[in-house]
Protein backbone atom coordinates (compact mmCIF):
# COMPACT_ATOMS: atom_id res chain seq x y z
CA UNK A 1 2.99 3.94 -8.20
CA UNK A 2 6.21 5.82 -7.77
CA UNK A 3 6.43 9.33 -6.47
CA UNK A 4 8.93 12.07 -6.93
CA UNK A 5 9.47 15.50 -5.49
CA UNK A 6 10.81 18.46 -7.48
CA UNK A 7 14.55 18.45 -7.17
CA UNK A 8 14.20 15.58 -4.77
CA UNK A 9 14.41 11.78 -4.78
CA UNK A 10 11.53 10.15 -6.54
CA UNK A 11 8.87 8.14 -4.90
CA UNK A 12 7.60 4.95 -6.38
CA UNK A 13 4.24 3.29 -5.88
CA UNK A 14 2.64 0.24 -7.40
CA UNK A 15 -0.98 -0.72 -7.75
CA UNK A 16 -1.17 -2.01 -4.24
CA UNK A 17 0.41 -0.23 -1.40
CA UNK A 18 3.66 1.78 -1.12
CA UNK A 19 6.05 -0.15 1.06
CA UNK A 20 9.20 0.02 3.12
CA UNK A 21 10.70 -2.86 5.04
CA UNK A 22 13.22 -3.16 7.87
CA UNK A 23 14.48 -1.32 10.85
CA UNK A 24 16.35 1.93 11.17
CA UNK A 25 19.48 2.19 9.10
CA UNK A 26 22.77 2.00 10.90
CA UNK A 27 24.61 3.30 7.87
CA UNK A 28 26.00 6.85 7.69
CA UNK A 29 23.47 9.43 6.56
CA UNK A 30 25.56 10.02 3.46
CA UNK A 31 24.56 6.58 2.18
CA UNK A 32 20.85 7.37 2.33
CA UNK A 33 18.87 9.10 -0.40
CA UNK A 34 19.09 12.87 -0.01
CA UNK A 35 15.94 14.10 1.66
CA UNK A 36 15.49 16.58 -1.16
CA UNK A 37 15.27 13.76 -3.69
CA UNK A 38 12.94 11.08 -2.34
CA UNK A 39 11.25 8.53 -4.59
CA UNK A 40 8.10 6.60 -3.81
CA UNK A 41 6.49 3.64 -5.50
CA UNK A 42 2.80 3.14 -5.36
CA UNK A 43 0.35 0.66 -6.77
CA UNK A 44 -3.10 1.34 -8.05
CA UNK A 45 -6.06 -0.97 -8.46
CA UNK A 46 -6.02 -3.71 -11.03
CA UNK A 47 -9.00 -4.92 -13.01
CA UNK A 48 -12.64 -5.93 -12.77
CA UNK A 49 -14.52 -3.37 -10.69
CA UNK A 50 -11.57 -1.19 -9.90
CA UNK A 51 -11.65 2.18 -8.19
CA UNK A 52 -9.37 4.99 -7.11
CA UNK A 53 -9.27 3.66 -3.57
CA UNK A 54 -6.95 5.65 -1.29
CA UNK A 55 -4.64 6.72 -4.05
CA UNK A 56 -5.38 10.44 -4.73
CA UNK A 57 -5.17 11.60 -1.12
CA UNK A 58 -2.05 9.62 -0.32
CA UNK A 59 -0.31 10.78 -3.49
CA UNK A 60 -0.97 14.44 -2.82
CA UNK A 61 0.06 14.14 0.82
CA UNK A 62 3.33 12.39 -0.03
CA UNK A 63 4.03 15.02 -2.68
CA UNK A 64 3.90 17.63 0.08
CA UNK A 65 6.82 15.81 1.72
CA UNK A 66 8.89 16.10 -1.44
CA UNK A 67 8.12 12.77 -3.04
CA UNK A 68 7.43 12.42 -6.72
CA UNK A 69 4.62 9.87 -7.08
CA UNK A 70 5.02 7.21 -9.71
CA UNK A 71 1.87 5.18 -10.28
CA UNK A 72 1.90 1.54 -11.37
CA UNK A 73 -1.48 0.58 -12.75
CA UNK A 74 -3.20 -0.92 -15.74
CA UNK A 75 -4.50 2.42 -16.94
CA UNK A 76 -3.45 5.98 -16.32
CA UNK A 77 -5.70 7.89 -13.92
CA UNK A 78 -6.27 11.54 -13.18
CA UNK A 79 -3.86 13.82 -11.38
CA UNK A 80 -1.04 14.07 -13.88
CA UNK A 81 1.35 11.90 -11.86
CA UNK A 82 4.12 9.90 -13.48
CA UNK A 83 2.56 6.68 -14.76
CA UNK A 84 4.07 3.26 -15.54
CA UNK A 85 1.75 0.61 -16.98
CA UNK A 86 1.91 -2.52 -14.85
CA UNK A 87 -0.25 -5.44 -13.78
CA UNK A 88 1.03 -5.96 -10.23
CA UNK A 89 -0.11 -9.56 -10.22
CA UNK A 90 2.39 -10.35 -13.01
CA UNK A 91 5.96 -11.02 -11.86
CA UNK A 92 7.54 -10.00 -15.12
CA UNK A 93 5.60 -6.74 -15.39
CA UNK A 94 6.53 -5.77 -11.80
CA UNK A 95 10.24 -6.32 -12.53
CA UNK A 96 9.97 -4.30 -15.75
CA UNK A 97 8.09 -1.48 -14.00
CA UNK A 98 10.75 -1.16 -11.31
CA UNK A 99 13.57 -1.17 -13.88
CA UNK A 100 11.83 1.50 -15.96
CA UNK A 101 11.01 3.62 -12.93
CA UNK A 102 14.59 3.71 -11.71
CA UNK A 103 16.02 4.18 -15.18
CA UNK A 104 13.75 7.11 -16.07
CA UNK A 105 13.11 8.70 -12.67
CA UNK A 106 15.86 7.69 -10.31
CA UNK A 107 16.20 5.34 -7.31
CA UNK A 108 13.09 4.41 -5.37
CA UNK A 109 12.99 5.22 -1.66
CA UNK A 110 9.42 4.32 -0.69
CA UNK A 111 6.86 1.77 -1.84
CA UNK A 112 3.20 2.04 -0.90
CA UNK A 113 1.22 -1.07 -1.76
CA UNK A 114 -2.21 0.39 -2.24
CA UNK A 115 -3.95 -1.74 -4.88
CA UNK A 116 -7.29 -3.00 -3.67
CA UNK A 117 -10.14 -5.18 -4.84
CA UNK A 118 -13.01 -6.19 -2.55
CA UNK A 119 -15.25 -7.84 -5.11
CA UNK A 120 -18.99 -8.14 -4.64
CA UNK A 121 -20.52 -9.02 -1.27
CA UNK A 122 -21.06 -12.79 -1.30
CA UNK A 123 -21.12 -15.52 1.32
CA UNK A 124 -18.45 -18.22 1.10
CA UNK A 125 -21.06 -20.57 -0.36
CA UNK A 126 -21.83 -18.03 -3.08
CA UNK A 127 -18.23 -17.09 -3.93
CA UNK A 128 -16.94 -18.44 -7.26
CA UNK A 129 -13.36 -19.68 -7.31
CA UNK A 130 -12.43 -17.16 -9.99
CA UNK A 131 -13.64 -14.28 -7.79
CA UNK A 132 -11.65 -15.64 -4.83
CA UNK A 133 -8.48 -16.00 -6.89
CA UNK A 134 -8.74 -12.53 -8.44
CA UNK A 135 -9.09 -10.89 -5.02
CA UNK A 136 -6.09 -12.82 -3.62
CA UNK A 137 -4.04 -11.91 -6.70
CA UNK A 138 -4.59 -8.16 -6.44
CA UNK A 139 -4.49 -7.71 -2.65
CA UNK A 140 -1.94 -10.32 -1.54
CA UNK A 141 0.11 -11.57 -4.46
CA UNK A 142 0.55 -8.05 -5.84
CA UNK A 143 1.78 -6.84 -2.46
CA UNK A 144 4.23 -9.73 -2.28
CA UNK A 145 5.61 -9.22 -5.80
CA UNK A 146 6.04 -5.44 -5.43
CA UNK A 147 7.51 -5.70 -1.94
CA UNK A 148 10.00 -8.34 -3.00
CA UNK A 149 11.10 -6.33 -6.03
CA UNK A 150 11.38 -3.05 -4.13
CA UNK A 151 13.26 -4.58 -1.21
CA UNK A 152 15.88 -6.03 -3.56
CA UNK A 153 16.62 -2.48 -4.69
CA UNK A 154 16.31 -0.78 -1.28
CA UNK A 155 18.37 -3.10 0.93
CA UNK A 156 21.73 -2.60 -0.86
CA UNK A 157 21.27 1.16 -0.43
CA UNK A 158 20.68 0.80 3.30
CA UNK A 159 17.45 2.79 3.41
CA UNK A 160 13.83 2.46 2.42
CA UNK A 161 10.22 2.43 3.57
CA UNK A 162 7.52 -0.06 2.54
CA UNK A 163 3.94 0.72 3.58
CA UNK A 164 1.29 -1.93 2.98
CA UNK A 165 -2.37 -1.00 3.09
CA UNK A 166 -4.12 -3.85 4.88
CA UNK A 167 -7.60 -3.66 6.42
CA UNK A 168 -9.39 -4.20 9.70
CA UNK A 169 -11.21 -6.96 7.77
CA UNK A 170 -7.92 -8.87 7.93
CA UNK A 171 -8.12 -8.84 11.73
CA UNK A 172 -11.85 -9.33 12.30
CA UNK A 173 -13.12 -11.11 9.19
CA UNK A 174 -16.01 -9.32 7.47
CA UNK A 175 -19.08 -11.43 6.65
CA UNK A 176 -19.78 -11.64 2.88
CA UNK A 177 -16.21 -10.43 2.21
CA UNK A 178 -14.34 -13.63 3.04
CA UNK A 179 -11.90 -13.44 0.12
CA UNK A 180 -11.00 -9.84 0.90
CA UNK A 181 -10.69 -10.58 4.63
CA UNK A 182 -8.40 -13.55 3.97
CA UNK A 183 -6.22 -11.57 1.57
CA UNK A 184 -5.79 -8.68 4.00
CA UNK A 185 -5.00 -11.09 6.83
CA UNK A 186 -2.26 -12.36 4.55
CA UNK A 187 -0.97 -8.80 4.01
CA UNK A 188 -0.78 -8.34 7.78
CA UNK A 189 1.21 -11.56 8.25
CA UNK A 190 3.42 -10.72 5.25
CA UNK A 191 4.19 -7.33 6.80
CA UNK A 192 5.20 -8.86 10.13
CA UNK A 193 7.43 -11.47 8.48
CA UNK A 194 9.05 -9.07 6.01
CA UNK A 195 9.71 -6.47 8.68
CA UNK A 196 11.55 -9.04 10.78
CA UNK A 197 13.52 -10.30 7.79
CA UNK A 198 14.71 -6.81 6.89
CA UNK A 199 15.34 -5.54 10.43
CA UNK A 200 18.76 -3.95 10.61
CA UNK A 201 19.02 -3.25 6.88
CA UNK A 202 17.65 0.28 7.04
CA UNK A 203 14.43 -0.75 5.28
CA UNK A 204 11.30 -0.64 7.43
CA UNK A 205 8.11 -2.51 6.54
CA UNK A 206 4.85 -1.53 8.17
CA UNK A 207 1.14 -1.72 7.45
CA UNK A 208 -2.01 0.32 8.05
CA UNK A 209 -5.23 -1.51 8.84
CA UNK A 210 -8.07 0.94 8.19
CA UNK A 211 -11.70 0.32 8.95
CA UNK A 212 -14.09 1.55 6.25
CA UNK A 213 -12.63 4.58 4.44
CA UNK A 214 -14.89 6.76 2.30
CA UNK A 215 -13.64 5.88 -1.21
CA UNK A 216 -14.99 4.46 -4.46
CA UNK A 217 -13.99 1.01 -3.22
CA UNK A 218 -17.10 0.98 -1.04
CA UNK A 219 -19.24 1.00 -4.21
CA UNK A 220 -18.19 -2.61 -4.74
CA UNK A 221 -19.94 -3.57 -1.51
CA UNK A 222 -23.62 -3.77 -0.65
CA UNK A 223 -25.23 -0.94 1.31
CA UNK A 224 -25.89 -3.40 4.14
CA UNK A 225 -22.21 -4.34 4.37
CA UNK A 226 -21.12 -0.68 4.56
CA UNK A 227 -23.78 0.13 7.14
CA UNK A 228 -22.61 -2.78 9.27
CA UNK A 229 -19.04 -1.49 9.19
CA UNK A 230 -20.10 2.02 10.20
CA UNK A 231 -22.26 0.63 12.99
CA UNK A 232 -19.26 -1.18 14.51
CA UNK A 233 -17.27 2.06 14.87
CA UNK A 234 -17.54 3.86 18.22
CA UNK A 235 -17.15 7.13 16.27
CA UNK A 236 -20.09 6.08 14.01
CA UNK A 237 -18.63 7.28 10.74
CA UNK A 238 -16.37 6.36 7.86
CA UNK A 239 -12.72 7.31 7.93
CA UNK A 240 -11.41 9.83 5.41
CA UNK A 241 -8.65 9.53 2.84
CA UNK A 242 -6.90 12.52 4.39
CA UNK A 243 -6.75 10.76 7.76
CA UNK A 244 -5.24 7.70 6.13
CA UNK A 245 -2.81 9.79 4.09
CA UNK A 246 -1.35 11.41 7.20
CA UNK A 247 -0.55 8.04 8.74
CA UNK A 248 0.94 6.74 5.51
CA UNK A 249 3.08 9.88 5.21
CA UNK A 250 4.58 9.30 8.63
CA UNK A 251 5.30 5.63 7.95
CA UNK A 252 6.99 6.63 4.68
CA UNK A 253 9.20 9.18 6.38
CA UNK A 254 12.51 9.19 8.27
CA UNK A 255 10.50 10.13 11.37
CA UNK A 256 9.34 6.54 11.50
CA UNK A 257 12.56 4.94 12.72
CA UNK A 258 11.71 2.40 15.46
CA UNK A 259 8.72 0.59 14.00
CA UNK A 260 8.94 -2.33 11.57
CA UNK A 261 6.71 -5.32 11.06
CA UNK A 262 3.97 -3.33 12.78
CA UNK A 263 0.29 -2.86 11.94
CA UNK A 264 -1.29 0.53 12.70
CA UNK A 265 -5.07 0.62 13.13
CA UNK A 266 -7.19 3.43 11.75
CA UNK A 267 -10.59 2.29 12.93
CA UNK A 268 -12.43 5.02 14.81
CA UNK A 269 -12.01 3.02 18.01
CA UNK A 270 -13.33 -0.22 16.50
CA UNK A 271 -10.13 -2.32 16.75
CA UNK A 272 -9.94 -4.61 19.76
CA UNK A 273 -6.43 -5.99 19.20
């Protein structure tokens, strides 16, 4: 979904994660979006058993930094943010959403790819192909399509931030969530590759790999799966949306200037690499 700040550049976000790729810009500050007018793009969740995920907390936190959130999703949610209908797994709809966002709200400065779909807890043997493909489409293909589209607009301007929401499941592999784990591992690799490709353009691409965060997304999982994730954390609790939002806000800001292609853990001490 996109974001925008009053009298400031708009922010754009699609139904995945808001993203920014590349390294610090070497262009004069006059070529960058004015700090008073940032724009963010952010993605929401797609279909099937969809939920709010991390969206509300991140949107409100980015708004505090002057961004105007623009949400790309299938259906408009609560919060009164600017909304653009978009299925982020559809290449044509992503292109149309970006064109409409910039035409109606101004140039995008930040993309957060935050769309997420875990699907039900099933072993690999129990996972239908359709379930596997739907989870890859939302989590990985949607991130690819939105990142590619946003980068094409950001790179010529010499500035931008792309923030992909990955998961610790992409590093560790979560039993009974093989499709989700594989998709998030793909998001991590995509972030590293895209960050390197855009290094030197002024567009930075980074990812956050949270452990279990207390959102509606957990309702898609079994109680046993959630309890297992909590038990692995040295802090013995779920993370909060506010904690995630603070990290996303930094990655979306000009203060993040020497990190690209990086993955930042938010795991309560659980991450081992």
